[in-house]
Protein backbone atom coordinates (compact mmCIF):
# COMPACT_ATOMS: atom_id res chain seq x y z
CA MET A 1 5.93 2.60 32.69
CA PHE A 2 2.20 2.37 31.91
CA LYS A 3 2.35 5.85 30.40
CA TYR A 4 4.99 4.76 27.88
CA ILE A 5 3.12 1.59 26.96
CA SER A 6 -0.06 3.61 26.37
CA VAL A 7 1.78 6.05 24.09
CA PHE A 8 3.31 3.15 22.14
CA LEU A 9 -0.07 1.47 21.67
CA LEU A 10 -1.61 4.76 20.56
CA ILE A 11 1.13 5.30 17.96
CA ALA A 12 0.88 1.69 16.74
CA GLY A 13 -2.89 2.03 16.42
CA CYS A 14 -2.54 5.22 14.39
CA THR A 15 -0.17 3.51 11.98
CA GLN A 16 -2.71 0.75 11.35
CA ILE A 17 -5.53 3.24 10.85
CA ASP A 18 -3.40 5.35 8.53
CA SER A 19 -2.49 2.24 6.52
CA ALA A 20 -6.14 1.28 6.14
CA LYS A 21 -7.09 4.78 5.04
CA GLU A 22 -4.18 4.97 2.62
CA LEU A 23 -5.10 1.56 1.17
CA GLU A 24 -8.69 2.70 0.71
CA LYS A 25 -7.44 5.90 -0.93
CA GLY A 26 -5.16 3.94 -3.28
CA LEU A 27 -8.00 1.66 -4.38
CA ARG A 28 -10.37 4.59 -4.85
CA LEU A 29 -7.79 6.38 -6.99
CA TYR A 30 -7.16 3.23 -9.03
CA ARG A 31 -10.88 2.87 -9.76
CA ALA A 32 -10.99 6.56 -10.74
CA ASP A 33 -8.15 5.92 -13.21
CA SER A 34 -5.78 8.20 -11.27
CA LEU A 35 -3.05 5.65 -11.61
CA THR A 36 0.02 7.65 -10.58
CA GLU A 37 -1.71 8.90 -7.44
CA SER A 38 -2.89 5.36 -6.71
CA ILE A 39 0.67 4.06 -7.00
CA ASN A 40 1.85 6.73 -4.56
CA ALA A 41 -0.81 5.84 -1.98
CA LEU A 42 -0.24 2.09 -2.31
CA THR A 43 3.52 2.56 -2.06
CA LYS A 44 3.05 4.27 1.32
CA VAL A 45 1.17 1.23 2.61
CA ILE A 46 3.73 -1.18 1.18
CA SER A 47 6.49 0.75 2.96
CA LEU A 48 4.72 -0.10 6.24
CA ASN A 49 3.63 -3.61 5.26
CA ASP A 50 5.54 -5.22 2.42
CA THR A 51 3.24 -8.26 2.43
CA CYS A 52 0.04 -6.37 1.60
CA TYR A 53 -1.32 -8.55 -1.20
CA THR A 54 -3.99 -6.08 -2.22
CA CYS A 55 -1.48 -3.23 -2.41
CA LEU A 56 0.99 -5.17 -4.53
CA PHE A 57 -1.73 -6.48 -6.84
CA TYR A 58 -3.36 -3.10 -7.54
CA ARG A 59 -0.05 -1.27 -7.74
CA GLY A 60 1.08 -3.89 -10.25
CA LEU A 61 -2.08 -3.36 -12.28
CA ALA A 62 -1.59 0.41 -12.18
CA TYR A 63 1.99 0.02 -13.39
CA LYS A 64 0.77 -2.28 -16.17
CA HIS A 65 -1.82 0.25 -17.35
CA LEU A 66 0.89 2.92 -17.37
CA GLU A 67 3.04 0.53 -19.43
CA GLN A 68 5.69 0.39 -16.71
CA PHE A 69 6.02 -3.33 -17.23
CA ASP A 70 9.23 -3.84 -15.24
CA ASN A 71 7.64 -2.33 -12.13
CA ALA A 72 4.44 -4.31 -12.69
CA LEU A 73 6.43 -7.53 -13.00
CA LYS A 74 8.29 -6.78 -9.74
CA ASP A 75 5.01 -6.37 -7.86
CA PHE A 76 3.46 -9.50 -9.38
CA ASN A 77 6.62 -11.51 -8.61
CA SER A 78 6.48 -10.24 -5.04
CA LEU A 79 2.95 -11.64 -4.76
CA VAL A 80 4.18 -15.09 -5.75
CA THR A 81 6.99 -15.10 -3.21
CA ILE A 82 4.95 -13.93 -0.20
């Protein structure tokens, strides 16, 4: 039983670490003006945590800069409803 709990905690911990790294990557790409790549990285984090304010905000900004206004509006509206 303990073996299975340990494996579960290890997997859960990796997911959190991967999310943090992917968030950092998304923000770094946004600042480097690699907007499509930033959107991809932030979308991965949002798929794991759909209430990530930072992810939704920066992905919305990236969509806005790419003139994908419908997608930007969806992300900004999601921020208001969280």
